[in-house]
C-alpha atoms as a PDB file:
ATOM      1  CA  UNK A   1      12.061  21.492 171.963  1.00  0.00           C
ATOM      2  CA  UNK A   2      14.412  18.222 173.099  1.00  0.00           C
ATOM      3  CA  UNK A   3      14.548  19.472 176.611  1.00  0.00           C
ATOM      4  CA  UNK A   4      11.022  19.998 177.029  1.00  0.00           C
ATOM      5  CA  UNK A   5       9.894  17.075 175.763  1.00  0.00           C
ATOM      6  CA  UNK A   6      12.360  14.885 177.661  1.00  0.00           C
ATOM      7  CA  UNK A   7      11.427  17.397 180.748  1.00  0.00           C
ATOM      8  CA  UNK A   8       7.726  16.013 180.249  1.00  0.00           C
ATOM      9  CA  UNK A   9       8.879  12.355 180.875  1.00  0.00           C
ATOM     10  CA  UNK A  10      11.186  12.918 183.565  1.00  0.00           C
ATOM     11  CA  UNK A  11      10.053  16.044 186.080  1.00  0.00           C
ATOM     12  CA  UNK A  12      13.395  15.442 187.821  1.00  0.00           C
ATOM     13  CA  UNK A  13      15.025  16.714 184.611  1.00  0.00           C
ATOM     14  CA  UNK A  14      12.745  19.622 184.022  1.00  0.00           C
ATOM     15  CA  UNK A  15      13.507  20.896 187.825  1.00  0.00           C
ATOM     16  CA  UNK A  16      17.545  20.628 187.164  1.00  0.00           C
ATOM     17  CA  UNK A  17      17.683  22.462 184.130  1.00  0.00           C
ATOM     18  CA  UNK A  18      14.911  25.305 185.209  1.00  0.00           C
ATOM     19  CA  UNK A  19      12.793  24.771 181.932  1.00  0.00           C
ATOM     20  CA  UNK A  20       9.301  24.347 183.588  1.00  0.00           C
ATOM     21  CA  UNK A  21       8.505  27.911 182.732  1.00  0.00           C
ATOM     22  CA  UNK A  22       9.258  27.015 179.074  1.00  0.00           C
ATOM     23  CA  UNK A  23       7.132  24.199 179.040  1.00  0.00           C
ATOM     24  CA  UNK A  24       4.335  25.748 180.610  1.00  0.00           C
ATOM     25  CA  UNK A  25       4.416  28.166 177.703  1.00  0.00           C
ATOM     26  CA  UNK A  26       5.044  25.163 175.250  1.00  0.00           C
ATOM     27  CA  UNK A  27       1.673  23.626 176.956  1.00  0.00           C
ATOM     28  CA  UNK A  28      -0.182  26.860 176.546  1.00  0.00           C
ATOM     29  CA  UNK A  29       0.838  27.394 172.863  1.00  0.00           C
ATOM     30  CA  UNK A  30      -0.367  24.137 172.014  1.00  0.00           C
ATOM     31  CA  UNK A  31      -3.963  24.442 173.724  1.00  0.00           C
ATOM     32  CA  UNK A  32      -4.576  27.920 172.241  1.00  0.00           C
ATOM     33  CA  UNK A  33      -3.094  26.468 168.645  1.00  0.00           C
ATOM     34  CA  UNK A  34      -5.614  23.012 168.801  1.00  0.00           C
ATOM     35  CA  UNK A  35      -8.278  25.757 169.805  1.00  0.00           C
ATOM     36  CA  UNK A  36      -7.631  27.752 166.568  1.00  0.00           C
ATOM     37  CA  UNK A  37      -8.213  24.443 164.536  1.00  0.00           C
ATOM     38  CA  UNK A  38     -11.268  22.594 166.820  1.00  0.00           C
ATOM     39  CA  UNK A  39     -14.604  22.024 165.053  1.00  0.00           C
ATOM     40  CA  UNK A  40     -16.359  25.085 165.808  1.00  0.00           C
ATOM     41  CA  UNK A  41     -19.954  23.468 167.390  1.00  0.00           C
ATOM     42  CA  UNK A  42     -23.138  24.550 165.888  1.00  0.00           C
ATOM     43  CA  UNK A  43     -26.600  26.010 167.595  1.00  0.00           C
ATOM     44  CA  UNK A  44     -28.875  23.397 168.629  1.00  0.00           C
ATOM     45  CA  UNK A  45     -31.327  25.155 166.072  1.00  0.00           C
ATOM     46  CA  UNK A  46     -28.838  25.088 163.069  1.00  0.00           C
ATOM     47  CA  UNK A  47     -28.009  21.056 164.189  1.00  0.00           C
ATOM     48  CA  UNK A  48     -32.030  20.631 163.883  1.00  0.00           C
ATOM     49  CA  UNK A  49     -32.496  22.549 160.730  1.00  0.00           C
ATOM     50  CA  UNK A  50     -29.389  19.885 159.308  1.00  0.00           C
ATOM     51  CA  UNK A  51     -31.778  17.017 160.256  1.00  0.00           C
ATOM     52  CA  UNK A  52     -34.738  18.455 158.894  1.00  0.00           C
ATOM     53  CA  UNK A  53     -37.454  20.842 160.287  1.00  0.00           C
ATOM     54  CA  UNK A  54     -38.166  20.839 164.298  1.00  0.00           C
ATOM     55  CA  UNK A  55     -41.515  19.546 164.520  1.00  0.00           C
ATOM     56  CA  UNK A  56     -44.523  21.715 166.040  1.00  0.00           C
ATOM     57  CA  UNK A  57     -47.974  20.650 166.863  1.00  0.00           C
ATOM     58  CA  UNK A  58     -50.844  22.539 166.965  1.00  0.00           C
ATOM     59  CA  UNK A  59     -53.206  20.830 169.613  1.00  0.00           C
ATOM     60  CA  UNK A  60     -57.114  22.346 170.075  1.00  0.00           C
ATOM     61  CA  UNK A  61     -58.128  21.011 173.337  1.00  0.00           C
ATOM     62  CA  UNK A  62     -61.528  20.021 174.889  1.00  0.00           C
ATOM     63  CA  UNK A  63     -63.655  18.608 177.280  1.00  0.00           C
ATOM     64  CA  UNK A  64     -66.818  16.847 176.704  1.00  0.00           C
ATOM     65  CA  UNK A  65     -70.015  18.434 178.803  1.00  0.00           C
ATOM     66  CA  UNK A  66     -70.609  15.101 180.522  1.00  0.00           C
ATOM     67  CA  UNK A  67     -66.634  14.646 181.697  1.00  0.00           C
ATOM     68  CA  UNK A  68     -66.302  18.599 182.997  1.00  0.00           C
ATOM     69  CA  UNK A  69     -69.101  17.759 185.322  1.00  0.00           C
ATOM     70  CA  UNK A  70     -66.899  14.901 186.989  1.00  0.00           C
ATOM     71  CA  UNK A  71     -64.554  17.122 187.694  1.00  0.00           C
ATOM     72  CA  UNK A  72     -63.275  20.876 189.014  1.00  0.00           C
ATOM     73  CA  UNK A  73     -62.368  23.746 187.392  1.00  0.00           C
ATOM     74  CA  UNK A  74     -58.883  22.871 189.013  1.00  0.00           C
ATOM     75  CA  UNK A  75     -57.960  19.452 188.513  1.00  0.00           C
ATOM     76  CA  UNK A  76     -54.701  18.833 185.769  1.00  0.00           C
ATOM     77  CA  UNK A  77     -55.047  18.373 182.204  1.00  0.00           C
ATOM     78  CA  UNK A  78     -52.049  16.769 180.760  1.00  0.00           C
ATOM     79  CA  UNK A  79     -51.249  17.417 176.475  1.00  0.00           C
ATOM     80  CA  UNK A  80     -48.707  15.266 175.446  1.00  0.00           C
ATOM     81  CA  UNK A  81     -47.187  13.359 172.679  1.00  0.00           C
ATOM     82  CA  UNK A  82     -45.749  10.225 172.776  1.00  0.00           C
ATOM     83  CA  UNK A  83     -43.732   8.070 169.541  1.00  0.00           C
ATOM     84  CA  UNK A  84     -46.751   5.691 168.496  1.00  0.00           C
ATOM     85  CA  UNK A  85     -43.823   2.748 168.703  1.00  0.00           C
ATOM     86  CA  UNK A  86     -41.309   3.407 170.422  1.00  0.00           C
ATOM     87  CA  UNK A  87     -40.374   4.619 174.368  1.00  0.00           C
ATOM     88  CA  UNK A  88     -43.387   4.859 176.336  1.00  0.00           C
ATOM     89  CA  UNK A  89     -42.114   8.406 177.981  1.00  0.00           C
ATOM     90  CA  UNK A  90     -43.756  11.644 176.822  1.00  0.00           C
ATOM     91  CA  UNK A  91     -41.984  13.817 174.365  1.00  0.00           C
ATOM     92  CA  UNK A  92     -43.522  17.070 175.123  1.00  0.00           C
ATOM     93  CA  UNK A  93     -45.764  17.962 177.389  1.00  0.00           C
ATOM     94  CA  UNK A  94     -48.383  20.899 178.281  1.00  0.00           C
ATOM     95  CA  UNK A  95     -50.246  20.777 182.166  1.00  0.00           C
ATOM     96  CA  UNK A  96     -53.208  22.917 182.159  1.00  0.00           C
ATOM     97  CA  UNK A  97     -56.332  22.848 184.502  1.00  0.00           C
ATOM     98  CA  UNK A  98     -59.682  21.891 183.413  1.00  0.00           C
ATOM     99  CA  UNK A  99     -60.419  25.531 183.758  1.00  0.00           C
ATOM    100  CA  UNK A 100     -58.583  26.813 180.861  1.00  0.00           C
ATOM    101  CA  UNK A 101     -60.436  24.139 178.220  1.00  0.00           C
ATOM    102  CA  UNK A 102     -60.961  24.916 175.671  1.00  0.00           C
ATOM    103  CA  UNK A 103     -57.729  25.913 174.850  1.00  0.00           C
ATOM    104  CA  UNK A 104     -55.151  25.430 172.126  1.00  0.00           C
ATOM    105  CA  UNK A 105     -51.287  24.401 172.835  1.00  0.00           C
ATOM    106  CA  UNK A 106     -48.111  23.934 170.935  1.00  0.00           C
ATOM    107  CA  UNK A 107     -45.657  20.779 171.185  1.00  0.00           C
ATOM    108  CA  UNK A 108     -42.640  21.073 169.954  1.00  0.00           C
ATOM    109  CA  UNK A 109     -39.478  20.068 170.055  1.00  0.00           C
ATOM    110  CA  UNK A 110     -37.939  22.302 172.510  1.00  0.00           C
ATOM    111  CA  UNK A 111     -40.231  20.740 175.143  1.00  0.00           C
ATOM    112  CA  UNK A 112     -38.385  17.607 175.121  1.00  0.00           C
ATOM    113  CA  UNK A 113     -37.644  15.706 178.011  1.00  0.00           C
ATOM    114  CA  UNK A 114     -34.662  13.979 177.565  1.00  0.00           C
ATOM    115  CA  UNK A 115     -32.018  14.904 174.683  1.00  0.00           C
ATOM    116  CA  UNK A 116     -32.146  13.178 171.483  1.00  0.00           C
ATOM    117  CA  UNK A 117     -35.991  12.335 172.359  1.00  0.00           C
ATOM    118  CA  UNK A 118     -37.836  15.091 170.363  1.00  0.00           C
ATOM    119  CA  UNK A 119     -40.905  14.923 168.738  1.00  0.00           C
ATOM    120  CA  UNK A 120     -39.060  15.012 165.328  1.00  0.00           C
ATOM    121  CA  UNK A 121     -37.003  12.049 165.787  1.00  0.00           C
ATOM    122  CA  UNK A 122     -40.445   9.809 165.341  1.00  0.00           C
ATOM    123  CA  UNK A 123     -42.242   9.254 161.940  1.00  0.00           C
ATOM    124  CA  UNK A 124     -45.736   8.257 163.997  1.00  0.00           C
ATOM    125  CA  UNK A 125     -46.928   9.958 167.283  1.00  0.00           C
ATOM    126  CA  UNK A 126     -49.892   9.686 169.202  1.00  0.00           C
ATOM    127  CA  UNK A 127     -51.170  13.075 171.033  1.00  0.00           C
ATOM    128  CA  UNK A 128     -53.436  12.751 174.124  1.00  0.00           C
ATOM    129  CA  UNK A 129     -55.308  15.242 176.434  1.00  0.00           C
ATOM    130  CA  UNK A 130     -56.048  13.369 179.679  1.00  0.00           C
ATOM    131  CA  UNK A 131     -57.853  15.132 182.886  1.00  0.00           C
ATOM    132  CA  UNK A 132     -57.143  13.592 186.488  1.00  0.00           C
ATOM    133  CA  UNK A 133     -57.794  14.543 190.146  1.00  0.00           C
ATOM    134  CA  UNK A 134     -54.818  12.888 191.218  1.00  0.00           C
ATOM    135  CA  UNK A 135     -52.678  15.382 189.313  1.00  0.00           C
ATOM    136  CA  UNK A 136     -50.585  12.184 188.955  1.00  0.00           C
ATOM    137  CA  UNK A 137     -48.589  11.938 184.829  1.00  0.00           C
ATOM    138  CA  UNK A 138     -49.440   8.408 185.152  1.00  0.00           C
ATOM    139  CA  UNK A 139     -53.240   7.758 183.844  1.00  0.00           C
ATOM    140  CA  UNK A 140     -55.024   6.392 186.369  1.00  0.00           C
ATOM    141  CA  UNK A 141     -58.315   4.114 186.862  1.00  0.00           C
ATOM    142  CA  UNK A 142     -61.005   7.255 186.445  1.00  0.00           C
ATOM    143  CA  UNK A 143     -59.395   9.890 184.454  1.00  0.00           C
ATOM    144  CA  UNK A 144     -60.683  10.777 181.090  1.00  0.00           C
ATOM    145  CA  UNK A 145     -58.673  10.821 177.639  1.00  0.00           C
ATOM    146  CA  UNK A 146     -59.001  11.619 174.320  1.00  0.00           C
ATOM    147  CA  UNK A 147     -56.287  10.950 171.757  1.00  0.00           C
ATOM    148  CA  UNK A 148     -55.156  11.266 168.156  1.00  0.00           C
ATOM    149  CA  UNK A 149     -52.709   9.513 165.877  1.00  0.00           C
ATOM    150  CA  UNK A 150     -50.997  11.651 164.348  1.00  0.00           C
ATOM    151  CA  UNK A 151     -49.478  10.409 160.586  1.00  0.00           C
ATOM    152  CA  UNK A 152     -47.809  13.543 159.488  1.00  0.00           C
ATOM    153  CA  UNK A 153     -46.141  15.310 161.451  1.00  0.00           C
ATOM    154  CA  UNK A 154     -45.484  18.309 159.452  1.00  0.00           C
ATOM    155  CA  UNK A 155     -48.711  19.659 158.820  1.00  0.00           C
ATOM    156  CA  UNK A 156     -49.897  23.201 160.036  1.00  0.00           C
ATOM    157  CA  UNK A 157     -53.207  21.760 160.973  1.00  0.00           C
ATOM    158  CA  UNK A 158     -54.681  22.202 163.979  1.00  0.00           C
ATOM    159  CA  UNK A 159     -55.024  18.677 166.057  1.00  0.00           C
ATOM    160  CA  UNK A 160     -58.624  18.732 167.493  1.00  0.00           C
ATOM    161  CA  UNK A 161     -58.881  16.805 170.656  1.00  0.00           C
ATOM    162  CA  UNK A 162     -61.886  15.960 173.083  1.00  0.00           C
ATOM    163  CA  UNK A 163     -61.557  14.444 176.162  1.00  0.00           C
ATOM    164  CA  UNK A 164     -64.453  11.944 176.827  1.00  0.00           C
ATOM    165  CA  UNK A 165     -63.098   8.181 177.122  1.00  0.00           C
ATOM    166  CA  UNK A 166     -62.813   6.875 180.612  1.00  0.00           C
ATOM    167  CA  UNK A 167     -59.556   5.020 181.708  1.00  0.00           C
ATOM    168  CA  UNK A 168     -60.386   1.642 182.816  1.00  0.00           C
END
């Protein structure tokens, strides 16, 4: 062991004494021992359940008849959830077309766009649905929107959103 330790500090000595193979075996044994005592990483689902239940929001989306007449059936509809206070980036998003409305979508933690930025990480959420002719993820003047504050994200109730308000 002393020769191996000395060989690590002095590569010339390792070569002279011919202990390179012994050093490699010793390192491999240490690595194997370290793996056997390394902490076991829990699957993501177990981690989420340790922090609390994953958030899952069921959202029924429709559009008013007046708004539907202003858009083409192939225009894009975004359904998304954001933190009521905090980052402006959506935490979960579903992209649809106007032709698919009315429909029900599920927004959940698995849709997080950035690690750690999940629905379950925030106490209060705002769920929105927006129809746009441009297909842009950023709201623009002339798009129409419907939104709802979510105070209790643990509810199994369906959230109902109707797209009917113009984006100024």
